[in-house]
N, C-alpha and C. Protein backbone atom coordinates (compact mmCIF):
# COMPACT_ATOMS: atom_id res chain seq x y z
N MET A 1 0.84 -1.18 0.00
CA MET A 1 0.00 0.00 0.00
C MET A 1 0.88 1.24 0.00
N SER A 2 0.57 2.20 -0.88
CA SER A 2 1.32 3.44 -0.92
C SER A 2 0.95 4.30 0.29
N LYS A 3 1.67 5.43 0.43
CA LYS A 3 1.41 6.31 1.57
C LYS A 3 -0.06 6.72 1.57
N PRO A 4 -0.74 6.49 2.70
CA PRO A 4 -2.17 6.79 2.74
C PRO A 4 -2.46 8.29 2.68
N ASN A 5 -3.60 8.60 2.11
CA ASN A 5 -4.08 9.97 2.06
C ASN A 5 -5.06 10.13 3.23
N TYR A 6 -4.55 10.60 4.36
CA TYR A 6 -5.36 10.71 5.57
C TYR A 6 -6.45 11.77 5.39
N ALA A 7 -7.64 11.44 5.87
CA ALA A 7 -8.77 12.35 5.77
C ALA A 7 -8.65 13.43 6.84
N GLY A 8 -8.79 14.66 6.43
CA GLY A 8 -8.64 15.79 7.35
C GLY A 8 -9.87 16.04 8.22
N PHE A 9 -9.71 17.01 9.09
CA PHE A 9 -10.72 17.33 10.09
C PHE A 9 -12.06 17.72 9.46
N TRP A 10 -12.05 18.65 8.52
CA TRP A 10 -13.30 19.21 8.01
C TRP A 10 -14.09 18.22 7.17
N VAL A 11 -13.45 17.39 6.38
CA VAL A 11 -14.20 16.40 5.62
C VAL A 11 -14.83 15.38 6.57
N ARG A 12 -14.14 15.09 7.67
CA ARG A 12 -14.71 14.18 8.66
C ARG A 12 -15.87 14.82 9.40
N VAL A 13 -15.77 16.11 9.66
CA VAL A 13 -16.91 16.83 10.26
C VAL A 13 -18.10 16.76 9.30
N GLY A 14 -17.85 16.99 8.02
CA GLY A 14 -18.92 16.91 7.02
C GLY A 14 -19.59 15.54 7.01
N ALA A 15 -18.78 14.49 7.07
CA ALA A 15 -19.33 13.13 7.09
C ALA A 15 -20.18 12.92 8.34
N SER A 16 -19.74 13.44 9.47
CA SER A 16 -20.50 13.31 10.71
C SER A 16 -21.82 14.05 10.64
N ILE A 17 -21.81 15.22 10.02
CA ILE A 17 -23.05 15.98 9.86
C ILE A 17 -24.04 15.21 9.00
N ILE A 18 -23.55 14.63 7.91
CA ILE A 18 -24.41 13.81 7.05
C ILE A 18 -25.01 12.66 7.85
N ASP A 19 -24.18 11.96 8.62
CA ASP A 19 -24.67 10.84 9.42
C ASP A 19 -25.72 11.28 10.43
N THR A 20 -25.47 12.42 11.08
CA THR A 20 -26.43 12.94 12.07
C THR A 20 -27.76 13.28 11.40
N LEU A 21 -27.71 13.93 10.25
CA LEU A 21 -28.94 14.27 9.54
C LEU A 21 -29.70 13.01 9.12
N LEU A 22 -28.98 11.99 8.65
CA LEU A 22 -29.63 10.75 8.25
C LEU A 22 -30.32 10.08 9.45
N ILE A 23 -29.65 10.07 10.59
CA ILE A 23 -30.26 9.48 11.80
C ILE A 23 -31.50 10.26 12.19
N LEU A 24 -31.43 11.60 12.15
CA LEU A 24 -32.60 12.42 12.47
C LEU A 24 -33.75 12.19 11.49
N LEU A 25 -33.42 12.08 10.20
CA LEU A 25 -34.45 11.85 9.20
C LEU A 25 -35.13 10.50 9.36
N LEU A 26 -34.39 9.52 9.86
CA LEU A 26 -34.97 8.19 10.07
C LEU A 26 -35.69 8.08 11.41
N LEU A 27 -35.05 8.56 12.46
CA LEU A 27 -35.62 8.38 13.80
C LEU A 27 -36.70 9.40 14.13
N GLY A 28 -36.57 10.63 13.65
CA GLY A 28 -37.55 11.67 13.96
C GLY A 28 -38.98 11.26 13.64
N PRO A 29 -39.25 10.89 12.39
CA PRO A 29 -40.62 10.47 12.06
C PRO A 29 -41.05 9.19 12.80
N LEU A 30 -40.12 8.28 13.01
CA LEU A 30 -40.45 7.05 13.73
C LEU A 30 -40.86 7.35 15.18
N ILE A 31 -40.08 8.18 15.85
CA ILE A 31 -40.40 8.55 17.22
C ILE A 31 -41.72 9.31 17.28
N THR A 32 -41.95 10.20 16.32
CA THR A 32 -43.20 10.95 16.28
C THR A 32 -44.38 10.02 16.04
N ALA A 33 -44.23 9.05 15.16
CA ALA A 33 -45.31 8.10 14.88
C ALA A 33 -45.65 7.26 16.11
N ILE A 34 -44.64 6.93 16.89
CA ILE A 34 -44.85 6.07 18.06
C ILE A 34 -45.30 6.88 19.27
N SER A 35 -44.62 7.98 19.54
CA SER A 35 -44.87 8.74 20.78
C SER A 35 -45.70 9.99 20.58
N GLY A 36 -45.87 10.43 19.35
CA GLY A 36 -46.64 11.64 19.08
C GLY A 36 -45.80 12.90 19.23
N ARG A 37 -46.42 14.02 18.90
CA ARG A 37 -45.73 15.31 18.98
C ARG A 37 -45.35 15.67 20.40
N ALA A 38 -46.06 15.10 21.38
CA ALA A 38 -45.79 15.41 22.79
C ALA A 38 -44.35 15.07 23.16
N TYR A 39 -43.78 14.10 22.50
CA TYR A 39 -42.39 13.73 22.77
C TYR A 39 -41.48 14.93 22.58
N TRP A 40 -41.70 15.68 21.51
CA TRP A 40 -40.86 16.82 21.16
C TRP A 40 -41.24 18.07 21.93
N VAL A 41 -42.52 18.20 22.28
CA VAL A 41 -43.00 19.42 22.93
C VAL A 41 -42.73 19.41 24.43
N ASN A 42 -43.13 18.33 25.11
CA ASN A 42 -42.98 18.31 26.57
C ASN A 42 -42.20 17.12 27.11
N GLY A 43 -41.57 16.37 26.21
CA GLY A 43 -40.73 15.27 26.67
C GLY A 43 -41.49 14.02 27.05
N SER A 44 -42.75 13.96 26.72
CA SER A 44 -43.55 12.79 27.04
C SER A 44 -42.98 11.56 26.33
N GLY A 45 -42.66 10.54 27.09
CA GLY A 45 -42.09 9.32 26.53
C GLY A 45 -40.59 9.24 26.60
N MET A 46 -39.95 10.35 26.97
CA MET A 46 -38.49 10.32 27.10
C MET A 46 -38.11 9.47 28.30
N GLY A 47 -37.06 8.71 28.15
CA GLY A 47 -36.58 7.86 29.24
C GLY A 47 -37.27 6.50 29.32
N THR A 48 -38.22 6.26 28.43
CA THR A 48 -38.87 4.95 28.41
C THR A 48 -37.96 3.95 27.73
N GLY A 49 -38.30 2.69 27.83
CA GLY A 49 -37.51 1.64 27.19
C GLY A 49 -37.40 1.84 25.69
N LEU A 50 -38.49 2.24 25.08
CA LEU A 50 -38.49 2.47 23.64
C LEU A 50 -37.58 3.64 23.28
N ASP A 51 -37.64 4.68 24.08
CA ASP A 51 -36.79 5.85 23.87
C ASP A 51 -35.31 5.46 23.95
N VAL A 52 -34.97 4.71 24.96
CA VAL A 52 -33.58 4.25 25.13
C VAL A 52 -33.16 3.40 23.93
N LEU A 53 -34.04 2.50 23.51
CA LEU A 53 -33.74 1.64 22.35
C LEU A 53 -33.49 2.48 21.09
N LEU A 54 -34.41 3.39 20.80
CA LEU A 54 -34.31 4.16 19.55
C LEU A 54 -33.20 5.19 19.56
N ASN A 55 -32.93 5.82 20.69
CA ASN A 55 -31.97 6.92 20.73
C ASN A 55 -30.58 6.55 21.23
N TYR A 56 -30.47 5.49 22.00
CA TYR A 56 -29.18 5.19 22.63
C TYR A 56 -28.61 3.82 22.26
N LEU A 57 -29.43 2.92 21.77
CA LEU A 57 -28.92 1.60 21.38
C LEU A 57 -28.89 1.41 19.87
N LEU A 58 -29.94 1.84 19.18
CA LEU A 58 -30.00 1.65 17.73
C LEU A 58 -28.91 2.42 16.96
N PRO A 59 -28.69 3.71 17.24
CA PRO A 59 -27.64 4.42 16.48
C PRO A 59 -26.24 3.81 16.63
N PRO A 60 -25.77 3.48 17.85
CA PRO A 60 -24.45 2.86 17.92
C PRO A 60 -24.39 1.52 17.19
N LEU A 61 -25.45 0.74 17.30
CA LEU A 61 -25.49 -0.55 16.61
C LEU A 61 -25.41 -0.34 15.10
N ALA A 62 -26.17 0.62 14.59
CA ALA A 62 -26.14 0.89 13.14
C ALA A 62 -24.76 1.36 12.70
N VAL A 63 -24.14 2.25 13.46
CA VAL A 63 -22.81 2.76 13.10
C VAL A 63 -21.80 1.62 13.07
N ILE A 64 -21.78 0.81 14.12
CA ILE A 64 -20.81 -0.29 14.18
C ILE A 64 -21.07 -1.30 13.06
N LEU A 65 -22.33 -1.59 12.75
CA LEU A 65 -22.62 -2.52 11.64
C LEU A 65 -22.16 -1.93 10.30
N PHE A 66 -22.37 -0.65 10.07
CA PHE A 66 -21.86 -0.03 8.85
C PHE A 66 -20.34 -0.14 8.79
N TRP A 67 -19.69 0.13 9.92
CA TRP A 67 -18.23 0.03 9.95
C TRP A 67 -17.78 -1.39 9.62
N VAL A 68 -18.43 -2.38 10.24
CA VAL A 68 -18.04 -3.79 10.04
C VAL A 68 -18.23 -4.20 8.58
N TYR A 69 -19.35 -3.82 7.98
CA TYR A 69 -19.64 -4.29 6.63
C TYR A 69 -19.13 -3.38 5.52
N LYS A 70 -18.95 -2.10 5.79
CA LYS A 70 -18.53 -1.17 4.74
C LYS A 70 -17.27 -0.38 5.07
N SER A 71 -16.75 -0.51 6.29
CA SER A 71 -15.61 0.28 6.78
C SER A 71 -15.89 1.78 6.72
N ALA A 72 -17.16 2.13 6.76
CA ALA A 72 -17.57 3.54 6.71
C ALA A 72 -19.05 3.64 7.05
N THR A 73 -19.42 4.80 7.55
CA THR A 73 -20.83 5.13 7.71
C THR A 73 -21.33 5.72 6.39
N PRO A 74 -22.63 5.91 6.23
CA PRO A 74 -23.11 6.54 4.99
C PRO A 74 -22.44 7.90 4.72
N GLY A 75 -22.24 8.71 5.76
CA GLY A 75 -21.57 9.99 5.57
C GLY A 75 -20.16 9.84 5.06
N LYS A 76 -19.43 8.87 5.61
CA LYS A 76 -18.06 8.62 5.13
C LYS A 76 -18.08 8.10 3.69
N MET A 77 -19.06 7.24 3.38
CA MET A 77 -19.16 6.73 2.01
C MET A 77 -19.44 7.87 1.04
N MET A 78 -20.33 8.79 1.42
CA MET A 78 -20.68 9.90 0.54
C MET A 78 -19.52 10.88 0.34
N THR A 79 -18.63 10.94 1.31
CA THR A 79 -17.48 11.84 1.19
C THR A 79 -16.21 11.10 0.76
N GLY A 80 -16.34 9.81 0.43
CA GLY A 80 -15.22 9.04 -0.10
C GLY A 80 -14.18 8.66 0.93
N LEU A 81 -14.61 8.38 2.17
CA LEU A 81 -13.67 8.04 3.24
C LEU A 81 -13.84 6.59 3.67
N LEU A 82 -12.75 6.02 4.18
CA LEU A 82 -12.75 4.65 4.71
C LEU A 82 -11.99 4.62 6.03
N ILE A 83 -12.42 3.75 6.92
CA ILE A 83 -11.68 3.49 8.15
C ILE A 83 -10.82 2.26 7.90
N VAL A 84 -9.53 2.38 8.16
CA VAL A 84 -8.61 1.25 7.96
C VAL A 84 -7.73 1.07 9.19
N ASP A 85 -7.12 -0.11 9.29
CA ASP A 85 -6.17 -0.39 10.35
C ASP A 85 -4.95 0.51 10.15
N ALA A 86 -4.52 1.15 11.22
CA ALA A 86 -3.41 2.12 11.11
C ALA A 86 -2.09 1.46 10.73
N ARG A 87 -1.87 0.22 11.13
CA ARG A 87 -0.59 -0.44 10.83
C ARG A 87 -0.57 -1.06 9.44
N THR A 88 -1.66 -1.73 9.06
CA THR A 88 -1.64 -2.53 7.83
C THR A 88 -2.39 -1.90 6.66
N GLY A 89 -3.30 -0.98 6.94
CA GLY A 89 -4.13 -0.43 5.88
C GLY A 89 -5.28 -1.34 5.50
N ALA A 90 -5.40 -2.48 6.17
CA ALA A 90 -6.47 -3.44 5.90
C ALA A 90 -7.72 -3.05 6.68
N LYS A 91 -8.76 -3.80 6.44
CA LYS A 91 -10.01 -3.58 7.16
C LYS A 91 -9.79 -3.89 8.64
N PRO A 92 -10.23 -3.00 9.53
CA PRO A 92 -10.09 -3.26 10.97
C PRO A 92 -10.97 -4.42 11.42
N THR A 93 -10.65 -4.96 12.57
CA THR A 93 -11.45 -6.05 13.14
C THR A 93 -12.70 -5.47 13.80
N THR A 94 -13.65 -6.33 14.07
CA THR A 94 -14.85 -5.90 14.79
C THR A 94 -14.48 -5.32 16.14
N THR A 95 -13.52 -5.93 16.82
CA THR A 95 -13.06 -5.42 18.11
C THR A 95 -12.54 -3.99 17.97
N GLN A 96 -11.78 -3.72 16.93
CA GLN A 96 -11.27 -2.37 16.71
C GLN A 96 -12.43 -1.39 16.50
N PHE A 97 -13.45 -1.81 15.76
CA PHE A 97 -14.59 -0.93 15.53
C PHE A 97 -15.34 -0.63 16.83
N VAL A 98 -15.52 -1.65 17.67
CA VAL A 98 -16.20 -1.44 18.95
C VAL A 98 -15.36 -0.52 19.83
N LEU A 99 -14.05 -0.75 19.89
CA LEU A 99 -13.17 0.13 20.66
C LEU A 99 -13.22 1.56 20.12
N ARG A 100 -13.29 1.69 18.82
CA ARG A 100 -13.36 3.02 18.20
C ARG A 100 -14.61 3.74 18.65
N TYR A 101 -15.74 3.04 18.68
CA TYR A 101 -16.98 3.68 19.10
C TYR A 101 -16.90 4.09 20.57
N ILE A 102 -16.43 3.20 21.42
CA ILE A 102 -16.26 3.53 22.84
C ILE A 102 -15.29 4.71 22.98
N GLY A 103 -14.28 4.74 22.12
CA GLY A 103 -13.31 5.82 22.13
C GLY A 103 -13.91 7.18 21.83
N TYR A 104 -15.04 7.21 21.13
CA TYR A 104 -15.72 8.49 20.91
C TYR A 104 -16.06 9.16 22.24
N TYR A 105 -16.52 8.38 23.20
CA TYR A 105 -16.88 8.95 24.50
C TYR A 105 -15.64 9.52 25.19
N VAL A 106 -14.56 8.77 25.14
CA VAL A 106 -13.29 9.25 25.71
C VAL A 106 -12.86 10.54 25.00
N SER A 107 -13.06 10.60 23.70
CA SER A 107 -12.67 11.76 22.91
C SER A 107 -13.52 12.99 23.18
N MET A 108 -14.79 12.77 23.52
CA MET A 108 -15.72 13.89 23.69
C MET A 108 -15.77 14.44 25.10
N ILE A 109 -15.53 13.61 26.09
CA ILE A 109 -15.72 14.05 27.48
C ILE A 109 -14.89 15.29 27.82
N PRO A 110 -13.59 15.33 27.50
CA PRO A 110 -12.86 16.55 27.85
C PRO A 110 -13.00 17.63 26.77
N LEU A 111 -14.18 18.25 26.68
CA LEU A 111 -14.41 19.37 25.77
C LEU A 111 -14.14 19.04 24.30
N PHE A 112 -14.41 17.80 23.92
CA PHE A 112 -14.21 17.34 22.54
C PHE A 112 -12.75 17.41 22.09
N LEU A 113 -11.83 17.44 23.02
CA LEU A 113 -10.41 17.55 22.65
C LEU A 113 -9.93 16.38 21.80
N GLY A 114 -10.45 15.18 22.08
CA GLY A 114 -10.04 14.01 21.31
C GLY A 114 -10.52 14.04 19.88
N ILE A 115 -11.63 14.73 19.64
CA ILE A 115 -12.13 14.90 18.28
C ILE A 115 -11.32 16.00 17.58
N LEU A 116 -11.11 17.11 18.28
CA LEU A 116 -10.33 18.21 17.71
C LEU A 116 -8.89 17.80 17.40
N TRP A 117 -8.41 16.76 18.08
CA TRP A 117 -7.05 16.27 17.88
C TRP A 117 -6.79 15.90 16.42
N VAL A 118 -7.84 15.52 15.70
CA VAL A 118 -7.72 15.17 14.27
C VAL A 118 -7.05 16.31 13.51
N ALA A 119 -7.37 17.54 13.86
CA ALA A 119 -6.81 18.70 13.15
C ALA A 119 -5.32 18.88 13.42
N LEU A 120 -4.81 18.32 14.52
CA LEU A 120 -3.42 18.53 14.92
C LEU A 120 -2.50 17.35 14.61
N ASP A 121 -3.06 16.17 14.54
CA ASP A 121 -2.28 14.94 14.43
C ASP A 121 -1.74 14.74 13.01
N PRO A 122 -0.48 14.30 12.87
CA PRO A 122 0.08 14.08 11.53
C PRO A 122 -0.68 13.03 10.71
N LYS A 123 -1.24 12.03 11.38
CA LYS A 123 -2.01 11.00 10.68
C LYS A 123 -3.51 11.28 10.74
N LYS A 124 -3.86 12.46 11.24
CA LYS A 124 -5.27 12.89 11.34
C LYS A 124 -6.09 11.93 12.20
N GLN A 125 -5.45 11.37 13.24
CA GLN A 125 -6.14 10.46 14.14
C GLN A 125 -6.72 11.22 15.33
N GLY A 126 -7.99 10.95 15.61
CA GLY A 126 -8.58 11.39 16.86
C GLY A 126 -8.20 10.39 17.93
N TRP A 127 -8.52 10.71 19.18
CA TRP A 127 -8.18 9.77 20.26
C TRP A 127 -8.90 8.44 20.05
N HIS A 128 -10.11 8.48 19.51
CA HIS A 128 -10.85 7.24 19.25
C HIS A 128 -10.12 6.37 18.23
N ASP A 129 -9.46 7.01 17.25
CA ASP A 129 -8.67 6.26 16.28
C ASP A 129 -7.43 5.67 16.94
N LYS A 130 -6.78 6.45 17.79
CA LYS A 130 -5.58 5.96 18.48
C LYS A 130 -5.92 4.78 19.39
N ILE A 131 -7.04 4.88 20.10
CA ILE A 131 -7.47 3.80 20.99
C ILE A 131 -7.70 2.51 20.20
N ALA A 132 -8.32 2.65 19.02
CA ALA A 132 -8.67 1.47 18.22
C ALA A 132 -7.57 1.05 17.24
N GLY A 133 -6.56 1.88 17.05
CA GLY A 133 -5.52 1.56 16.07
C GLY A 133 -6.02 1.70 14.64
N THR A 134 -6.83 2.75 14.38
CA THR A 134 -7.38 2.98 13.06
C THR A 134 -7.00 4.36 12.54
N VAL A 135 -7.15 4.55 11.25
CA VAL A 135 -7.05 5.85 10.62
C VAL A 135 -8.19 5.96 9.61
N VAL A 136 -8.54 7.18 9.27
CA VAL A 136 -9.54 7.42 8.24
C VAL A 136 -8.80 7.96 7.02
N VAL A 137 -9.02 7.32 5.89
CA VAL A 137 -8.31 7.70 4.66
C VAL A 137 -9.30 8.05 3.56
N VAL A 138 -8.81 8.82 2.60
CA VAL A 138 -9.59 9.11 1.41
C VAL A 138 -9.55 7.86 0.55
N SER A 139 -10.70 7.37 0.18
CA SER A 139 -10.82 6.11 -0.56
C SER A 139 -10.29 6.26 -1.98
N ASP A 140 -9.67 5.21 -2.45
CA ASP A 140 -9.34 5.09 -3.87
C ASP A 140 -9.65 3.66 -4.26
N ASP A 141 -9.57 3.34 -5.53
CA ASP A 141 -9.94 2.01 -5.99
C ASP A 141 -9.08 0.92 -5.36
N GLU A 142 -7.78 1.18 -5.20
CA GLU A 142 -6.86 0.19 -4.65
C GLU A 142 -7.20 -0.13 -3.19
N SER A 143 -7.41 0.91 -2.38
CA SER A 143 -7.71 0.66 -0.96
C SER A 143 -9.08 0.05 -0.81
N GLN A 144 -10.04 0.41 -1.66
CA GLN A 144 -11.38 -0.17 -1.61
C GLN A 144 -11.33 -1.66 -1.87
N SER A 145 -10.56 -2.08 -2.87
CA SER A 145 -10.50 -3.51 -3.18
C SER A 145 -9.79 -4.28 -2.07
N SER A 146 -8.79 -3.71 -1.42
CA SER A 146 -8.13 -4.43 -0.34
C SER A 146 -9.01 -4.50 0.90
N ILE A 147 -9.88 -3.53 1.09
CA ILE A 147 -10.80 -3.54 2.23
C ILE A 147 -11.85 -4.63 2.05
N GLU A 148 -12.33 -4.80 0.84
CA GLU A 148 -13.43 -5.76 0.59
C GLU A 148 -12.95 -7.20 0.59
N GLU A 149 -11.66 -7.43 0.53
CA GLU A 149 -11.16 -8.82 0.51
C GLU A 149 -11.28 -9.46 1.85
């Protein structure tokens, strides 16, 4: 594998915004259909089992499944990015993907410093990437074919 083209901070922010909008477009109408407008107006239904399932369990599960099967979320796919193993450039393991997701919390707790770290790091790794041993790269045909193998 040639020298990777690491994905920078702003393109990754763009991918995250796309992912957030997609989740809102999918979950917003579903939550409204189940709980009604009162959910949004006065919080009726917040904290219920269904609320926890839809807002706190389903999104992480979807993100990790996209990572496992595509090495990217829809936002990363739309912006031409892939998550790869930092040492080999190959597709990361499921364990790495789970660690990466958990690493988001570590990255966000201290004022999002671990996320902002992407802008400063030579390999454009956030703390979540360092924890999992991953990097985000700009996709090309060669790296895409090695990821799918």
